[in-house]
């Protein structure tokens, strides 16, 4: 015969006691086999003693079933409040928005970037815009105080600022800044920092002026000589230069004979015969070049939001020949255009060949053309202008040009459309010519 012993019901609570730490009292008690403590935040012994009595009484009520214990509550706070937890008033959306400042919104937005989600140039631009917003609108300004008048004041202030070559800031630049503010504001809406859209309806921007069409070097030089233009207007004209095919051949021959680095001549030919941007040439890798298939793939970053895309351009005979020779003597690494590990007179130490920085690409462009009639050309982008313009002047279908150089805005297309004389003449003859 076996004897089964039943244990007596275990008390879930025992008496509480007081302890004094750093001049203040705290309660020590047990519940459910665990030792718990709670600071009373008082040095008054009478107040502390009354609190112990209240806690012990409510512990007894819980044991007897008179006081239900909700899940997830702070036990000591529950007991000391006689089972009535203090309820915080609900914070409305408007009150939450009122408590946030513009600076807090911008800082939280800039800190939210996922690594690799944005191009470095895009992130840098957003940070510059954020600095403008903090400076002009005020970093401590409550978000709910930013109304249409505040945004218009920002536009008016920026329109008086000086931009490129001492001229007033471009309206397009200001519109890009408002676009950045809109992006940041929408992010704030999605994260419940603001409860309304950025007020923009009825905003007034300074009037824009169309950029002049692309022109040859001879046309620009004639205008400068005839008009006695100030330097800033001359610089604007040089921005619009495109090189004719004979001029491109002459310039490339100069680079071939005078380049100080092996990568320069292939890079100049690549730019002139593909219309690639400087950043695209810097990103180019050897695997993107299919000489047997007579096609080059260009790595794009911004044409489709959130995706890296590729476009392709057919190779010209000269480009194919130059790239074959260059790749046979390539110094190493994956990038198509790179400096060798040891560069004479360079202060940089490289362990292996690496691709060019933006500054290096711009520096070497200027250096090889220094002292020549091409010295005033505005960097690598002149070849992109020239590629589009020369293709248009030869009657290449505009859709094909757009595919080769990537997405083209209508404004850009309009700047070289006047170079398609044969298509325009055929079109007008089909309407008004003899039948």
Protein backbone atom coordinates (compact mmCIF):
# COMPACT_ATOMS: atom_id res chain seq x y z
CA UNK A 1 0.00 0.00 0.00
CA UNK A 2 1.46 3.26 -1.04
CA UNK A 3 0.86 6.57 0.65
CA UNK A 4 0.21 9.54 -1.57
CA UNK A 5 1.09 12.82 0.10
CA UNK A 6 -0.58 15.97 -1.13
CA UNK A 7 1.28 19.19 -0.59
CA UNK A 8 -0.47 22.06 1.08
CA UNK A 9 -1.47 24.91 -1.30
CA UNK A 10 1.50 27.22 -1.74
CA UNK A 11 0.94 30.87 -0.95
CA UNK A 12 1.75 32.96 -3.98
CA UNK A 13 2.71 36.00 -1.93
CA UNK A 14 4.54 36.80 1.28
CA UNK A 15 4.80 39.97 3.30
CA UNK A 16 6.65 42.95 1.83
CA UNK A 17 9.50 44.85 3.45
CA UNK A 18 11.25 48.17 3.08
CA UNK A 19 14.85 48.83 2.12
CA UNK A 20 16.64 52.15 1.99
CA UNK A 21 19.09 52.78 -0.85
CA UNK A 22 20.87 56.09 -1.45
CA UNK A 23 18.50 57.86 0.91
CA UNK A 24 15.31 56.57 -0.75
CA UNK A 25 13.00 53.67 0.09
CA UNK A 26 12.11 50.71 -2.06
CA UNK A 27 9.73 47.81 -1.50
CA UNK A 28 10.93 44.18 -1.60
CA UNK A 29 8.28 41.46 -1.98
CA UNK A 30 7.76 38.02 -3.50
CA UNK A 31 5.13 36.89 -5.95
CA UNK A 32 4.88 33.55 -7.72
CA UNK A 33 8.18 32.41 -6.24
CA UNK A 34 10.07 35.46 -7.55
CA UNK A 35 11.65 38.28 -5.57
CA UNK A 36 10.58 41.68 -6.86
CA UNK A 37 11.62 45.21 -5.99
CA UNK A 38 10.09 48.59 -6.70
CA UNK A 39 11.50 52.05 -5.98
CA UNK A 40 9.12 54.36 -4.14
CA UNK A 41 11.13 57.47 -5.04
CA UNK A 42 10.63 58.92 -1.58
CA UNK A 43 12.79 59.40 1.52
CA UNK A 44 9.76 59.89 3.80
CA UNK A 45 9.42 56.82 6.02
CA UNK A 46 5.73 57.34 6.79
CA UNK A 47 4.87 57.56 3.09
CA UNK A 48 6.92 54.43 2.41
CA UNK A 49 5.23 52.51 5.27
CA UNK A 50 1.76 53.37 3.96
CA UNK A 51 2.79 52.18 0.51
CA UNK A 52 3.91 48.82 1.97
CA UNK A 53 0.57 48.42 3.71
CA UNK A 54 -1.32 49.16 0.49
CA UNK A 55 0.79 46.69 -1.49
CA UNK A 56 0.34 43.92 1.12
CA UNK A 57 -3.42 44.47 1.20
CA UNK A 58 -3.71 44.21 -2.58
CA UNK A 59 -1.51 41.11 -2.62
CA UNK A 60 -3.99 39.49 -0.23
CA UNK A 61 -6.92 40.52 -2.45
CA UNK A 62 -5.24 38.86 -5.42
CA UNK A 63 -4.74 35.64 -3.38
CA UNK A 64 -8.38 35.59 -2.34
CA UNK A 65 -9.55 36.23 -5.90
CA UNK A 66 -11.07 39.62 -5.20
CA UNK A 67 -8.67 41.51 -7.45
CA UNK A 68 -8.13 40.12 -10.98
CA UNK A 69 -4.58 40.56 -12.26
CA UNK A 70 -4.43 41.60 -15.96
CA UNK A 71 -1.73 40.13 -18.18
CA UNK A 72 1.35 42.12 -19.04
CA UNK A 73 0.99 44.79 -16.32
CA UNK A 74 3.74 46.06 -14.08
CA UNK A 75 2.80 44.26 -10.86
CA UNK A 76 4.12 46.78 -8.32
CA UNK A 77 2.49 49.72 -10.13
CA UNK A 78 -0.76 47.76 -10.31
CA UNK A 79 -0.72 46.94 -6.59
CA UNK A 80 0.21 50.44 -5.44
CA UNK A 81 -2.61 51.94 -7.53
CA UNK A 82 -5.22 49.61 -5.97
CA UNK A 83 -5.58 47.88 -9.31
CA UNK A 84 -6.16 51.09 -11.23
CA UNK A 85 -3.25 51.56 -13.65
CA UNK A 86 -2.74 55.16 -14.68
CA UNK A 87 -4.02 55.66 -18.22
CA UNK A 88 -2.06 57.92 -20.50
CA UNK A 89 -4.25 60.09 -22.69
CA UNK A 90 -4.18 59.02 -26.31
CA UNK A 91 -1.96 61.22 -28.43
CA UNK A 92 -3.73 62.33 -31.59
CA UNK A 93 -2.07 62.30 -34.99
CA UNK A 94 -2.15 66.10 -35.08
CA UNK A 95 -0.55 66.35 -31.62
CA UNK A 96 2.19 63.92 -32.65
CA UNK A 97 2.90 65.95 -35.81
CA UNK A 98 2.98 69.15 -33.78
CA UNK A 99 5.70 67.74 -31.55
CA UNK A 100 8.12 66.94 -34.41
CA UNK A 101 10.41 69.54 -35.92
CA UNK A 102 11.65 69.80 -39.49
CA UNK A 103 15.21 69.03 -38.38
CA UNK A 104 14.07 65.81 -36.66
CA UNK A 105 12.17 64.72 -39.77
CA UNK A 106 15.14 65.35 -42.06
CA UNK A 107 17.64 63.66 -39.72
CA UNK A 108 15.44 60.58 -39.36
CA UNK A 109 14.95 60.40 -43.13
CA UNK A 110 18.69 60.65 -43.84
CA UNK A 111 19.45 58.02 -41.20
CA UNK A 112 16.96 55.59 -42.77
CA UNK A 113 18.93 54.89 -45.95
CA UNK A 114 19.60 51.23 -46.61
CA UNK A 115 23.17 50.59 -47.75
CA UNK A 116 23.31 50.61 -51.54
CA UNK A 117 19.71 51.80 -51.97
CA UNK A 118 20.79 55.15 -53.39
CA UNK A 119 23.57 56.26 -55.66
CA UNK A 120 26.28 58.12 -53.72
CA UNK A 121 25.64 61.22 -55.84
CA UNK A 122 21.89 61.05 -55.07
CA UNK A 123 22.47 60.67 -51.34
CA UNK A 124 24.97 63.54 -51.39
CA UNK A 125 22.44 65.73 -53.21
CA UNK A 126 19.69 64.92 -50.67
CA UNK A 127 21.99 65.86 -47.80
CA UNK A 128 22.82 69.18 -49.45
CA UNK A 129 19.12 69.89 -49.96
CA UNK A 130 18.39 68.99 -46.32
CA UNK A 131 20.97 71.53 -45.19
CA UNK A 132 19.21 74.20 -47.27
CA UNK A 133 15.83 73.30 -45.72
CA UNK A 134 17.23 73.51 -42.17
CA UNK A 135 18.96 76.81 -42.87
CA UNK A 136 16.07 78.60 -44.59
CA UNK A 137 12.93 77.01 -43.11
CA UNK A 138 14.53 76.45 -39.69
CA UNK A 139 15.59 73.11 -38.23
CA UNK A 140 13.57 73.73 -35.02
CA UNK A 141 10.41 74.69 -36.90
CA UNK A 142 7.38 72.49 -36.00
CA UNK A 143 6.16 70.48 -38.95
CA UNK A 144 2.59 71.65 -38.55
CA UNK A 145 3.72 75.27 -39.07
CA UNK A 146 5.05 74.59 -42.57
CA UNK A 147 2.29 75.85 -44.85
CA UNK A 148 2.10 76.99 -48.46
CA UNK A 149 3.45 80.44 -47.56
CA UNK A 150 6.51 78.88 -45.90
CA UNK A 151 7.30 76.74 -48.95
CA UNK A 152 6.81 79.77 -51.23
CA UNK A 153 9.17 81.82 -49.03
CA UNK A 154 11.75 79.07 -49.44
CA UNK A 155 11.41 79.23 -53.24
CA UNK A 156 11.67 83.03 -53.24
CA UNK A 157 14.76 82.94 -51.02
CA UNK A 158 16.48 80.33 -53.16
CA UNK A 159 15.62 82.20 -56.38
CA UNK A 160 17.75 85.11 -55.11
CA UNK A 161 20.73 82.86 -54.34
CA UNK A 162 23.69 82.76 -56.70
CA UNK A 163 24.32 79.61 -58.67
CA UNK A 164 26.65 78.61 -61.49
CA UNK A 165 28.94 81.41 -62.73
CA UNK A 166 27.38 84.01 -60.44
CA UNK A 167 23.92 83.82 -62.01
CA UNK A 168 20.73 83.40 -60.00
CA UNK A 169 19.97 79.83 -59.11
CA UNK A 170 18.25 77.90 -61.90
CA UNK A 171 14.48 77.35 -61.47
CA UNK A 172 15.07 73.71 -62.37
CA UNK A 173 17.47 73.41 -59.43
CA UNK A 174 14.85 74.87 -57.08
CA UNK A 175 12.22 72.47 -58.43
CA UNK A 176 14.58 69.56 -57.72
CA UNK A 177 14.97 70.80 -54.14
CA UNK A 178 11.18 70.95 -53.67
CA UNK A 179 11.06 67.44 -55.13
CA UNK A 180 13.52 66.32 -52.46
CA UNK A 181 11.44 67.98 -49.73
CA UNK A 182 8.36 66.19 -51.07
CA UNK A 183 10.16 62.84 -50.91
CA UNK A 184 11.22 63.48 -47.31
CA UNK A 185 7.73 64.66 -46.36
CA UNK A 186 6.05 61.56 -47.83
CA UNK A 187 8.50 59.42 -45.86
CA UNK A 188 7.39 61.33 -42.76
CA UNK A 189 3.73 60.63 -43.57
CA UNK A 190 4.43 56.92 -43.94
CA UNK A 191 6.15 56.94 -40.52
CA UNK A 192 3.35 58.98 -38.87
CA UNK A 193 5.46 62.06 -38.25
CA UNK A 194 3.10 64.25 -40.28
CA UNK A 195 -0.58 63.81 -41.04
CA UNK A 196 -0.94 65.79 -44.27
CA UNK A 197 0.71 66.26 -47.63
CA UNK A 198 3.30 68.93 -48.24
CA UNK A 199 1.38 72.06 -49.33
CA UNK A 200 2.43 72.74 -52.94
CA UNK A 201 -0.68 73.68 -54.91
CA UNK A 202 -0.23 77.15 -56.38
CA UNK A 203 3.52 77.45 -55.83
CA UNK A 204 5.20 79.98 -58.13
CA UNK A 205 8.66 79.38 -59.58
CA UNK A 206 10.83 81.80 -61.56
CA UNK A 207 10.42 81.49 -65.30
CA UNK A 208 12.86 79.22 -67.07
CA UNK A 209 14.63 79.89 -70.33
CA UNK A 210 15.23 77.24 -72.96
CA UNK A 211 18.83 76.21 -73.32
CA UNK A 212 20.24 77.09 -76.73
CA UNK A 213 20.49 74.28 -79.29
CA UNK A 214 23.74 72.42 -79.75
CA UNK A 215 26.14 74.30 -82.00
CA UNK A 216 29.48 73.65 -83.64
CA UNK A 217 32.69 75.18 -82.33
CA UNK A 218 32.78 77.47 -85.37
CA UNK A 219 29.28 78.80 -84.62
CA UNK A 220 30.13 79.44 -80.97
CA UNK A 221 33.39 81.18 -81.84
CA UNK A 222 31.57 83.45 -84.32
CA UNK A 223 28.95 84.41 -81.74
CA UNK A 224 31.60 85.18 -79.15
CA UNK A 225 33.64 87.28 -81.59
CA UNK A 226 30.59 89.12 -82.91
CA UNK A 227 28.78 89.69 -79.63
CA UNK A 228 31.64 90.64 -77.33
CA UNK A 229 29.92 88.54 -74.68
CA UNK A 230 30.92 88.54 -71.01
CA UNK A 231 32.74 85.48 -69.73
CA UNK A 232 29.72 83.85 -68.08
CA UNK A 233 27.70 84.00 -71.34
CA UNK A 234 30.67 82.66 -73.28
CA UNK A 235 30.83 79.75 -70.85
CA UNK A 236 27.12 79.06 -71.44
CA UNK A 237 27.78 78.87 -75.19
CA UNK A 238 30.69 76.48 -74.69
CA UNK A 239 28.29 74.23 -72.77
CA UNK A 240 26.30 73.86 -76.01
CA UNK A 241 29.19 72.86 -78.26
CA UNK A 242 29.14 69.63 -80.19
CA UNK A 243 32.08 68.42 -82.25
CA UNK A 244 31.67 67.53 -85.91
CA UNK A 245 32.98 64.17 -87.09
CA UNK A 246 36.21 65.66 -88.56
CA UNK A 247 36.77 67.59 -85.31
CA UNK A 248 36.31 64.41 -83.28
CA UNK A 249 38.83 62.58 -85.45
CA UNK A 250 41.33 65.44 -85.02
CA UNK A 251 40.86 65.57 -81.26
CA UNK A 252 41.21 61.80 -80.90
CA UNK A 253 44.43 61.86 -82.89
CA UNK A 254 45.78 64.56 -80.58
CA UNK A 255 44.94 62.41 -77.54
CA UNK A 256 46.52 59.33 -79.11
CA UNK A 257 49.80 61.19 -79.64
CA UNK A 258 49.88 63.14 -76.35
CA UNK A 259 48.15 61.03 -73.68
CA UNK A 260 50.33 60.36 -70.64
CA UNK A 261 48.37 57.26 -69.58
CA UNK A 262 47.46 54.19 -71.67
CA UNK A 263 43.77 54.24 -70.68
CA UNK A 264 43.14 57.78 -71.98
CA UNK A 265 42.97 57.22 -75.72
CA UNK A 266 40.63 54.18 -75.42
CA UNK A 267 38.45 56.14 -73.00
CA UNK A 268 38.21 59.14 -75.34
CA UNK A 269 37.28 56.88 -78.28
CA UNK A 270 34.73 55.07 -76.08
CA UNK A 271 33.10 58.38 -75.09
CA UNK A 272 33.04 59.75 -78.65
CA UNK A 273 31.65 56.57 -80.26
CA UNK A 274 29.07 55.51 -77.63
CA UNK A 275 27.82 58.75 -76.02
CA UNK A 276 28.41 57.22 -72.57
CA UNK A 277 28.48 59.47 -69.53
CA UNK A 278 31.61 59.86 -67.43
CA UNK A 279 30.05 57.87 -64.57
CA UNK A 280 29.06 55.09 -66.98
CA UNK A 281 32.60 54.81 -68.31
CA UNK A 282 33.93 54.68 -64.75
CA UNK A 283 31.53 51.79 -63.97
CA UNK A 284 32.28 49.91 -67.19
CA UNK A 285 33.76 46.44 -66.71
CA UNK A 286 35.61 44.21 -69.16
CA UNK A 287 32.76 41.69 -69.15
CA UNK A 288 30.47 44.42 -70.58
CA UNK A 289 32.46 44.53 -73.83
CA UNK A 290 31.43 41.96 -76.45
CA UNK A 291 33.79 42.67 -79.33
CA UNK A 292 32.90 39.46 -81.17
CA UNK A 293 29.23 40.43 -81.01
CA UNK A 294 30.17 44.02 -81.88
CA UNK A 295 28.22 45.42 -78.95
CA UNK A 296 29.00 47.24 -75.70
CA UNK A 297 26.75 47.16 -72.66
CA UNK A 298 26.43 50.31 -70.55
CA UNK A 299 25.62 50.03 -66.84
CA UNK A 300 22.86 52.48 -65.87
CA UNK A 301 21.89 53.49 -62.34
CA UNK A 302 19.09 56.06 -62.50
CA UNK A 303 16.96 55.38 -65.57
CA UNK A 304 14.61 52.98 -63.73
CA UNK A 305 14.00 53.78 -60.08
CA UNK A 306 15.18 51.05 -57.73
CA UNK A 307 16.93 49.00 -60.44
CA UNK A 308 20.29 48.86 -62.15
CA UNK A 309 19.69 48.54 -65.88
CA UNK A 310 21.74 47.92 -69.02
CA UNK A 311 21.58 49.44 -72.45
CA UNK A 312 23.71 48.46 -75.42
CA UNK A 313 25.47 50.36 -78.19
CA UNK A 314 26.94 48.82 -81.38
CA UNK A 315 30.69 49.21 -81.76
CA UNK A 316 32.21 51.27 -84.54
CA UNK A 317 35.23 49.82 -86.42
CA UNK A 318 37.59 52.30 -84.71
CA UNK A 319 36.24 51.60 -81.24
CA UNK A 320 36.51 47.85 -81.77
CA UNK A 321 40.11 48.12 -82.94
CA UNK A 322 41.17 50.44 -80.10
CA UNK A 323 39.50 48.34 -77.41
CA UNK A 324 41.06 45.11 -78.69
CA UNK A 325 44.52 46.62 -78.41
CA UNK A 326 43.77 48.16 -75.01
CA UNK A 327 42.38 44.94 -73.53
CA UNK A 328 45.42 43.00 -74.77
CA UNK A 329 47.56 45.36 -72.66
CA UNK A 330 45.15 45.96 -69.82
CA UNK A 331 46.95 46.43 -66.46
CA UNK A 332 44.53 44.20 -64.56
CA UNK A 333 41.32 44.34 -62.56
CA UNK A 334 37.69 44.17 -63.69
CA UNK A 335 37.14 47.78 -64.71
CA UNK A 336 37.55 48.75 -68.36
CA UNK A 337 39.34 52.01 -67.65
CA UNK A 338 41.80 52.17 -64.79
CA UNK A 339 45.11 53.59 -63.72
CA UNK A 340 47.99 51.23 -63.31
CA UNK A 341 49.14 50.50 -59.75
CA UNK A 342 52.25 52.66 -60.08
CA UNK A 343 51.60 56.08 -61.63
CA UNK A 344 54.59 58.42 -62.14
CA UNK A 345 54.45 61.61 -60.04
CA UNK A 346 51.30 60.42 -58.24
CA UNK A 347 51.04 60.75 -54.46
CA UNK A 348 48.47 57.93 -54.28
CA UNK A 349 49.59 54.46 -53.29
CA UNK A 350 47.71 51.66 -55.04
CA UNK A 351 48.17 47.98 -54.34
CA UNK A 352 46.57 47.09 -57.67
CA UNK A 353 44.97 48.83 -60.66
CA UNK A 354 41.70 50.50 -59.68
CA UNK A 355 39.04 52.39 -61.60
CA UNK A 356 39.11 56.16 -61.83
CA UNK A 357 37.49 58.57 -59.43
CA UNK A 358 35.32 61.38 -60.84
CA UNK A 359 38.05 63.87 -60.01
CA UNK A 360 40.74 61.83 -61.75
CA UNK A 361 38.64 61.43 -64.90
CA UNK A 362 37.99 65.17 -65.04
CA UNK A 363 41.62 66.04 -64.30
CA UNK A 364 43.04 63.82 -67.05
CA UNK A 365 40.50 65.17 -69.57
CA UNK A 366 41.64 68.74 -68.87
CA UNK A 367 45.33 67.90 -68.82
CA UNK A 368 45.50 66.19 -72.19
CA UNK A 369 43.65 69.10 -73.88
CA UNK A 370 45.43 71.89 -72.00
CA UNK A 371 46.80 74.55 -74.34
CA UNK A 372 44.88 73.29 -77.37
CA UNK A 373 41.90 74.75 -79.21
CA UNK A 374 39.73 72.21 -77.32
CA UNK A 375 40.79 73.46 -73.89
CA UNK A 376 37.45 75.27 -73.34
CA UNK A 377 35.35 72.15 -73.85
CA UNK A 378 33.22 71.47 -70.77
CA UNK A 379 34.39 67.97 -69.93
CA UNK A 380 33.47 64.47 -71.04
CA UNK A 381 29.81 65.36 -71.63
CA UNK A 382 30.73 67.15 -74.88
CA UNK A 383 31.09 63.73 -76.48
CA UNK A 384 27.56 62.78 -75.44
CA UNK A 385 26.25 65.96 -77.08
CA UNK A 386 28.37 65.25 -80.13
CA UNK A 387 27.27 61.63 -80.42
CA UNK A 388 23.56 62.58 -80.36
CA UNK A 389 24.04 65.52 -82.71
CA UNK A 390 26.11 63.66 -85.30
CA UNK A 391 23.73 60.71 -85.30
CA UNK A 392 20.83 63.14 -85.82
CA UNK A 393 22.63 64.97 -88.63
CA UNK A 394 23.12 61.65 -90.42
CA UNK A 395 19.40 60.97 -90.27
CA UNK A 396 19.51 58.20 -87.64
CA UNK A 397 16.04 57.52 -86.26
CA UNK A 398 15.53 59.44 -83.03
CA UNK A 399 14.21 56.34 -81.26
CA UNK A 400 17.45 54.53 -82.04
CA UNK A 401 19.52 57.44 -80.74
CA UNK A 402 17.49 57.45 -77.52
CA UNK A 403 18.07 53.71 -77.09
CA UNK A 404 21.82 54.09 -77.58
CA UNK A 405 22.33 56.95 -75.13
CA UNK A 406 19.65 56.04 -72.59
CA UNK A 407 16.52 57.91 -71.66
CA UNK A 408 16.37 61.35 -73.30
CA UNK A 409 13.98 64.07 -72.15
CA UNK A 410 11.95 65.93 -74.76
CA UNK A 411 13.90 69.09 -73.91
CA UNK A 412 17.17 67.36 -74.77
CA UNK A 413 15.81 65.91 -78.01
CA UNK A 414 14.58 69.36 -79.04
CA UNK A 415 18.11 70.78 -78.67
CA UNK A 416 19.48 68.64 -81.52
CA UNK A 417 16.32 68.13 -83.58
CA UNK A 418 17.33 70.98 -85.91
CA UNK A 419 20.23 68.76 -87.05
CA UNK A 420 17.91 66.39 -88.94
CA UNK A 421 17.53 68.34 -92.20
CA UNK A 422 16.89 65.41 -94.53
CA UNK A 423 14.04 64.02 -92.41
CA UNK A 424 12.43 67.44 -92.01
CA UNK A 425 12.75 68.23 -95.73
CA UNK A 426 11.22 64.86 -96.65
CA UNK A 427 8.36 65.49 -94.26
CA UNK A 428 7.57 69.00 -95.53
CA UNK A 429 7.88 67.89 -99.16
CA UNK A 430 5.35 65.13 -98.54
CA UNK A 431 2.84 67.80 -97.50
CA UNK A 432 3.54 70.75 -99.77
CA UNK A 433 5.71 69.34 -102.57
CA UNK A 434 4.53 68.64 -106.09
CA UNK A 435 2.47 65.52 -106.50
